[in-house]
Amino acid sequence: MERIAKRILDAAAAAIALALLSPVLAATALAVRLSSPGPVVFRQRRLGLNGVPFEILKFRTMADGAGELRNPDGSAFSGSGDPRVTPLGRFLRSSSLDELPQLWNVLRGDMSLVGPRPDQVDQMRYYRGHEFRKLAARPGITGLAQIRGRNSISWEARKQLDIEYVDGWSFGLDCGLLLETVPYVLARRGVNQK
């Protein structure tokens, strides 16, 4: 029953948020279009529920055609001085506005409002043993790892927090994490690695 309630909350909240935030979405899309050449929306294959890939949506924050950079552990590089990120992109990332298109992913059922952050498809090769547990839940826009350090903690630590979320999941936990996310995002904490 709690799983059904989670999906109802996801669909309803995403639909309402998309409607209410449509002026913000439109203004952000226009700003991305005018600030640098390339597509407005960045699309990338990510690991979904049970490892089934889906296409995640974000507002583009990097120069078009920017190459992929990885840390030695296989995680995506997201340092504060990354030259691939546009000036507008830095603002979108620090404010989390780049994540807003993921409300479409939630509405479609690819993602949830709360869950483990979805890794890139090829990153699954770096998973070890119990780390595959994080794929047992629909990935989320926010989650335990997002409010316990985001990119300021290691990928290993984020994966462990994702597993902790999966193993301890409840509808009440989701509601609590959603409430905690608001001040965390407004304070712009944990956006880039130190």
C-alpha atoms as a PDB file:
ATOM      1  CA  MET A   1       0.000   0.000   0.000  1.00  0.00           C
ATOM      2  CA  GLU A   2       2.847   2.388   0.828  1.00  0.00           C
ATOM      3  CA  ARG A   3       4.370   1.781  -2.628  1.00  0.00           C
ATOM      4  CA  ILE A   4       1.059   2.763  -4.258  1.00  0.00           C
ATOM      5  CA  ALA A   5       0.908   5.897  -2.100  1.00  0.00           C
ATOM      6  CA  LYS A   6       4.472   6.752  -3.145  1.00  0.00           C
ATOM      7  CA  ARG A   7       3.601   6.509  -6.849  1.00  0.00           C
ATOM      8  CA  ILE A   8       0.412   8.566  -6.400  1.00  0.00           C
ATOM      9  CA  LEU A   9       2.372  11.249  -4.527  1.00  0.00           C
ATOM     10  CA  ASP A  10       5.071  11.245  -7.209  1.00  0.00           C
ATOM     11  CA  ALA A  11       2.654  11.620 -10.122  1.00  0.00           C
ATOM     12  CA  ALA A  12       0.454  14.223  -8.423  1.00  0.00           C
ATOM     13  CA  ALA A  13       3.316  16.320  -7.062  1.00  0.00           C
ATOM     14  CA  ALA A  14       5.219  16.226 -10.377  1.00  0.00           C
ATOM     15  CA  ALA A  15       2.137  17.279 -12.357  1.00  0.00           C
ATOM     16  CA  ILE A  16       1.362  20.129  -9.947  1.00  0.00           C
ATOM     17  CA  ALA A  17       5.002  21.255  -9.809  1.00  0.00           C
ATOM     18  CA  LEU A  18       5.309  21.257 -13.605  1.00  0.00           C
ATOM     19  CA  ALA A  19       2.188  23.406 -13.862  1.00  0.00           C
ATOM     20  CA  LEU A  20       3.227  25.846 -11.125  1.00  0.00           C
ATOM     21  CA  LEU A  21       6.836  26.051 -12.268  1.00  0.00           C
ATOM     22  CA  SER A  22       6.070  26.392 -15.977  1.00  0.00           C
ATOM     23  CA  PRO A  23       7.128  30.091 -16.040  1.00  0.00           C
ATOM     24  CA  VAL A  24      10.429  29.163 -14.326  1.00  0.00           C
ATOM     25  CA  LEU A  25      10.940  26.253 -16.727  1.00  0.00           C
ATOM     26  CA  ALA A  26      10.255  28.493 -19.727  1.00  0.00           C
ATOM     27  CA  ALA A  27      12.534  31.281 -18.475  1.00  0.00           C
ATOM     28  CA  THR A  28      15.335  28.829 -17.711  1.00  0.00           C
ATOM     29  CA  ALA A  29      14.981  27.182 -21.116  1.00  0.00           C
ATOM     30  CA  LEU A  30      15.195  30.583 -22.820  1.00  0.00           C
ATOM     31  CA  ALA A  31      18.245  31.547 -20.737  1.00  0.00           C
ATOM     32  CA  VAL A  32      20.035  28.305 -21.673  1.00  0.00           C
ATOM     33  CA  ARG A  33      19.169  28.819 -25.353  1.00  0.00           C
ATOM     34  CA  LEU A  34      20.480  32.403 -25.366  1.00  0.00           C
ATOM     35  CA  SER A  35      23.568  31.848 -23.199  1.00  0.00           C
ATOM     36  CA  SER A  36      25.421  29.289 -25.314  1.00  0.00           C
ATOM     37  CA  PRO A  37      24.959  27.221 -28.473  1.00  0.00           C
ATOM     38  CA  GLY A  38      23.548  23.733 -28.142  1.00  0.00           C
ATOM     39  CA  PRO A  39      20.395  21.988 -26.958  1.00  0.00           C
ATOM     40  CA  VAL A  40      18.407  23.342 -24.032  1.00  0.00           C
ATOM     41  CA  VAL A  41      17.889  19.929 -22.460  1.00  0.00           C
ATOM     42  CA  PHE A  42      20.698  17.513 -21.698  1.00  0.00           C
ATOM     43  CA  ARG A  43      19.708  13.849 -22.102  1.00  0.00           C
ATOM     44  CA  GLN A  44      21.696  10.927 -20.785  1.00  0.00           C
ATOM     45  CA  ARG A  45      21.084   7.229 -20.195  1.00  0.00           C
ATOM     46  CA  ARG A  46      20.994   6.371 -16.509  1.00  0.00           C
ATOM     47  CA  LEU A  47      20.369   3.284 -14.419  1.00  0.00           C
ATOM     48  CA  GLY A  48      16.729   2.984 -13.411  1.00  0.00           C
ATOM     49  CA  LEU A  49      14.752   0.538 -11.285  1.00  0.00           C
ATOM     50  CA  ASN A  50      16.370  -2.923 -11.381  1.00  0.00           C
ATOM     51  CA  GLY A  51      19.141  -1.500 -13.571  1.00  0.00           C
ATOM     52  CA  VAL A  52      16.862  -0.856 -16.558  1.00  0.00           C
ATOM     53  CA  PRO A  53      18.239   2.212 -18.407  1.00  0.00           C
ATOM     54  CA  PHE A  54      16.160   5.338 -18.972  1.00  0.00           C
ATOM     55  CA  GLU A  55      16.887   8.800 -20.372  1.00  0.00           C
ATOM     56  CA  ILE A  56      17.312  11.429 -17.678  1.00  0.00           C
ATOM     57  CA  LEU A  57      16.472  15.057 -18.488  1.00  0.00           C
ATOM     58  CA  LYS A  58      18.309  18.117 -17.208  1.00  0.00           C
ATOM     59  CA  PHE A  59      18.823  21.658 -18.358  1.00  0.00           C
ATOM     60  CA  ARG A  60      22.198  21.755 -20.115  1.00  0.00           C
ATOM     61  CA  THR A  61      24.898  23.273 -17.889  1.00  0.00           C
ATOM     62  CA  MET A  62      28.000  22.497 -19.957  1.00  0.00           C
ATOM     63  CA  ALA A  63      29.290  23.710 -23.293  1.00  0.00           C
ATOM     64  CA  ASP A  64      27.775  21.647 -26.079  1.00  0.00           C
ATOM     65  CA  GLY A  65      29.928  18.631 -26.854  1.00  0.00           C
ATOM     66  CA  ALA A  66      31.916  18.829 -23.606  1.00  0.00           C
ATOM     67  CA  GLY A  67      33.650  15.527 -23.003  1.00  0.00           C
ATOM     68  CA  GLU A  68      33.106  13.259 -20.030  1.00  0.00           C
ATOM     69  CA  LEU A  69      35.565  13.509 -17.118  1.00  0.00           C
ATOM     70  CA  ARG A  70      35.778  10.797 -14.478  1.00  0.00           C
ATOM     71  CA  ASN A  71      37.391  10.565 -11.069  1.00  0.00           C
ATOM     72  CA  PRO A  72      39.660   7.549 -10.409  1.00  0.00           C
ATOM     73  CA  ASP A  73      36.789   5.707  -8.657  1.00  0.00           C
ATOM     74  CA  GLY A  74      34.586   5.936 -11.768  1.00  0.00           C
ATOM     75  CA  SER A  75      32.364   8.755 -10.483  1.00  0.00           C
ATOM     76  CA  ALA A  76      31.609  11.742 -12.695  1.00  0.00           C
ATOM     77  CA  PHE A  77      33.861  14.735 -12.039  1.00  0.00           C
ATOM     78  CA  SER A  78      31.949  17.726 -10.664  1.00  0.00           C
ATOM     79  CA  GLY A  79      34.594  20.083  -9.323  1.00  0.00           C
ATOM     80  CA  SER A  80      33.872  23.739  -8.644  1.00  0.00           C
ATOM     81  CA  GLY A  81      36.336  25.017 -11.265  1.00  0.00           C
ATOM     82  CA  ASP A  82      35.216  22.768 -14.115  1.00  0.00           C
ATOM     83  CA  PRO A  83      35.873  24.760 -17.333  1.00  0.00           C
ATOM     84  CA  ARG A  84      33.247  22.715 -19.219  1.00  0.00           C
ATOM     85  CA  VAL A  85      30.454  24.335 -17.185  1.00  0.00           C
ATOM     86  CA  THR A  86      29.007  27.548 -18.609  1.00  0.00           C
ATOM     87  CA  PRO A  87      28.552  30.630 -16.386  1.00  0.00           C
ATOM     88  CA  LEU A  88      24.778  30.118 -16.480  1.00  0.00           C
ATOM     89  CA  GLY A  89      25.361  26.406 -15.859  1.00  0.00           C
ATOM     90  CA  ARG A  90      27.181  27.183 -12.605  1.00  0.00           C
ATOM     91  CA  PHE A  91      24.155  29.111 -11.391  1.00  0.00           C
ATOM     92  CA  LEU A  92      21.731  26.402 -12.521  1.00  0.00           C
ATOM     93  CA  ARG A  93      23.730  23.747 -10.695  1.00  0.00           C
ATOM     94  CA  SER A  94      24.174  25.713  -7.485  1.00  0.00           C
ATOM     95  CA  SER A  95      20.446  26.516  -7.393  1.00  0.00           C
ATOM     96  CA  SER A  96      19.449  22.981  -8.540  1.00  0.00           C
ATOM     97  CA  LEU A  97      17.334  24.526 -11.314  1.00  0.00           C
ATOM     98  CA  ASP A  98      19.090  22.210 -13.773  1.00  0.00           C
ATOM     99  CA  GLU A  99      17.241  19.285 -12.132  1.00  0.00           C
ATOM    100  CA  LEU A 100      13.715  20.622 -12.805  1.00  0.00           C
ATOM    101  CA  PRO A 101      13.186  18.726 -16.107  1.00  0.00           C
ATOM    102  CA  GLN A 102      13.427  15.535 -14.066  1.00  0.00           C
ATOM    103  CA  LEU A 103       9.861  16.228 -12.964  1.00  0.00           C
ATOM    104  CA  TRP A 104       8.979  14.831 -16.425  1.00  0.00           C
ATOM    105  CA  ASN A 105      10.953  11.709 -15.554  1.00  0.00           C
ATOM    106  CA  VAL A 106       8.916  11.412 -12.351  1.00  0.00           C
ATOM    107  CA  LEU A 107       5.621  11.938 -14.146  1.00  0.00           C
ATOM    108  CA  ARG A 108       6.556   9.259 -16.708  1.00  0.00           C
ATOM    109  CA  GLY A 109       7.473   6.816 -13.944  1.00  0.00           C
ATOM    110  CA  ASP A 110      11.217   6.638 -14.763  1.00  0.00           C
ATOM    111  CA  MET A 111      12.043   8.308 -11.462  1.00  0.00           C
ATOM    112  CA  SER A 112      10.565   9.124  -8.080  1.00  0.00           C
ATOM    113  CA  LEU A 113      10.738  12.366  -6.138  1.00  0.00           C
ATOM    114  CA  VAL A 114      12.828  10.508  -3.534  1.00  0.00           C
ATOM    115  CA  GLY A 115      15.238   7.650  -4.141  1.00  0.00           C
ATOM    116  CA  PRO A 116      18.861   6.834  -4.931  1.00  0.00           C
ATOM    117  CA  ARG A 117      20.462   9.153  -7.479  1.00  0.00           C
ATOM    118  CA  PRO A 118      20.735   7.372 -10.828  1.00  0.00           C
ATOM    119  CA  ASP A 119      24.253   6.587 -11.960  1.00  0.00           C
ATOM    120  CA  GLN A 120      25.322   6.518 -15.596  1.00  0.00           C
ATOM    121  CA  VAL A 121      24.819   3.141 -17.262  1.00  0.00           C
ATOM    122  CA  ASP A 122      28.521   2.364 -17.631  1.00  0.00           C
ATOM    123  CA  GLN A 123      29.159   3.130 -13.954  1.00  0.00           C
ATOM    124  CA  MET A 124      27.516  -0.158 -12.991  1.00  0.00           C
ATOM    125  CA  ARG A 125      30.809  -1.871 -13.802  1.00  0.00           C
ATOM    126  CA  TYR A 126      32.283  -0.166 -10.711  1.00  0.00           C
ATOM    127  CA  TYR A 127      29.603  -1.603  -8.387  1.00  0.00           C
ATOM    128  CA  ARG A 128      30.732  -4.235  -5.923  1.00  0.00           C
ATOM    129  CA  GLY A 129      28.574  -6.854  -4.187  1.00  0.00           C
ATOM    130  CA  HIS A 130      25.915  -5.185  -2.064  1.00  0.00           C
ATOM    131  CA  GLU A 131      26.130  -1.909  -4.037  1.00  0.00           C
ATOM    132  CA  PHE A 132      23.727  -3.385  -6.594  1.00  0.00           C
ATOM    133  CA  ARG A 133      21.081  -3.021  -3.853  1.00  0.00           C
ATOM    134  CA  LYS A 134      20.691   0.642  -4.776  1.00  0.00           C
ATOM    135  CA  LEU A 135      19.022  -0.484  -8.024  1.00  0.00           C
ATOM    136  CA  ALA A 136      16.154  -2.071  -6.057  1.00  0.00           C
ATOM    137  CA  ALA A 137      14.381   1.310  -5.830  1.00  0.00           C
ATOM    138  CA  ARG A 138      13.223   3.760  -8.472  1.00  0.00           C
ATOM    139  CA  PRO A 139      15.869   6.521  -8.640  1.00  0.00           C
ATOM    140  CA  GLY A 140      14.978   9.903  -7.216  1.00  0.00           C
ATOM    141  CA  ILE A 141      15.518  13.602  -7.714  1.00  0.00           C
ATOM    142  CA  THR A 142      16.460  13.815  -4.051  1.00  0.00           C
ATOM    143  CA  GLY A 143      17.325  11.254  -1.440  1.00  0.00           C
ATOM    144  CA  LEU A 144      19.335  10.442   1.634  1.00  0.00           C
ATOM    145  CA  ALA A 145      22.663  10.941  -0.135  1.00  0.00           C
ATOM    146  CA  GLN A 146      21.493  14.291  -1.524  1.00  0.00           C
ATOM    147  CA  ILE A 147      20.858  15.801   1.913  1.00  0.00           C
ATOM    148  CA  ARG A 148      23.799  14.150   3.645  1.00  0.00           C
ATOM    149  CA  GLY A 149      26.455  15.780   1.501  1.00  0.00           C
ATOM    150  CA  ARG A 150      25.558  15.530  -2.173  1.00  0.00           C
ATOM    151  CA  ASN A 151      28.759  15.981  -4.232  1.00  0.00           C
ATOM    152  CA  SER A 152      30.808  17.093  -1.225  1.00  0.00           C
ATOM    153  CA  ILE A 153      31.061  13.442  -0.122  1.00  0.00           C
ATOM    154  CA  SER A 154      32.627  10.583  -2.046  1.00  0.00           C
ATOM    155  CA  TRP A 155      30.730   8.440  -4.529  1.00  0.00           C
ATOM    156  CA  GLU A 156      31.356   5.448  -2.241  1.00  0.00           C
ATOM    157  CA  ALA A 157      29.678   7.294   0.635  1.00  0.00           C
ATOM    158  CA  ARG A 158      26.764   8.293  -1.602  1.00  0.00           C
ATOM    159  CA  LYS A 159      26.276   4.679  -2.704  1.00  0.00           C
ATOM    160  CA  GLN A 160      26.231   3.536   0.934  1.00  0.00           C
ATOM    161  CA  LEU A 161      23.607   6.160   1.788  1.00  0.00           C
ATOM    162  CA  ASP A 162      21.554   5.032  -1.230  1.00  0.00           C
ATOM    163  CA  ILE A 163      21.666   1.448   0.068  1.00  0.00           C
ATOM    164  CA  GLU A 164      20.689   2.658   3.546  1.00  0.00           C
ATOM    165  CA  TYR A 165      17.701   4.415   1.967  1.00  0.00           C
ATOM    166  CA  VAL A 166      16.634   1.298   0.024  1.00  0.00           C
ATOM    167  CA  ASP A 167      16.941  -0.964   3.065  1.00  0.00           C
ATOM    168  CA  GLY A 168      15.097   1.417   5.401  1.00  0.00           C
ATOM    169  CA  TRP A 169      12.496   2.768   2.991  1.00  0.00           C
ATOM    170  CA  SER A 170       9.081   3.880   4.186  1.00  0.00           C
ATOM    171  CA  PHE A 171       6.563   6.420   2.974  1.00  0.00           C
ATOM    172  CA  GLY A 172       7.283   8.446   6.111  1.00  0.00           C
ATOM    173  CA  LEU A 173      10.999   8.485   5.296  1.00  0.00           C
ATOM    174  CA  ASP A 174      10.211   9.888   1.842  1.00  0.00           C
ATOM    175  CA  CYS A 175       8.055  12.651   3.320  1.00  0.00           C
ATOM    176  CA  GLY A 176      10.789  13.553   5.811  1.00  0.00           C
ATOM    177  CA  LEU A 177      13.459  13.657   3.116  1.00  0.00           C
ATOM    178  CA  LEU A 178      11.298  15.874   0.907  1.00  0.00           C
ATOM    179  CA  LEU A 179      10.911  18.342   3.791  1.00  0.00           C
ATOM    180  CA  GLU A 180      14.661  18.274   4.504  1.00  0.00           C
ATOM    181  CA  THR A 181      15.500  18.841   0.848  1.00  0.00           C
ATOM    182  CA  VAL A 182      13.928  22.308   0.650  1.00  0.00           C
ATOM    183  CA  PRO A 183      16.260  24.108   3.100  1.00  0.00           C
ATOM    184  CA  TYR A 184      19.232  22.050   1.867  1.00  0.00           C
ATOM    185  CA  VAL A 185      18.686  23.189  -1.727  1.00  0.00           C
ATOM    186  CA  LEU A 186      17.971  26.784  -0.737  1.00  0.00           C
ATOM    187  CA  ALA A 187      21.251  26.868   1.209  1.00  0.00           C
ATOM    188  CA  ARG A 188      23.018  25.453  -1.902  1.00  0.00           C
ATOM    189  CA  ARG A 189      24.932  22.956   0.203  1.00  0.00           C
ATOM    190  CA  GLY A 190      27.039  20.105  -1.192  1.00  0.00           C
ATOM    191  CA  VAL A 191      26.852  21.183  -4.837  1.00  0.00           C
ATOM    192  CA  ASN A 192      30.516  20.686  -5.784  1.00  0.00           C
ATOM    193  CA  GLN A 193      33.322  18.545  -4.467  1.00  0.00           C
ATOM    194  CA  LYS A 194      35.848  20.353  -2.355  1.00  0.00           C
END
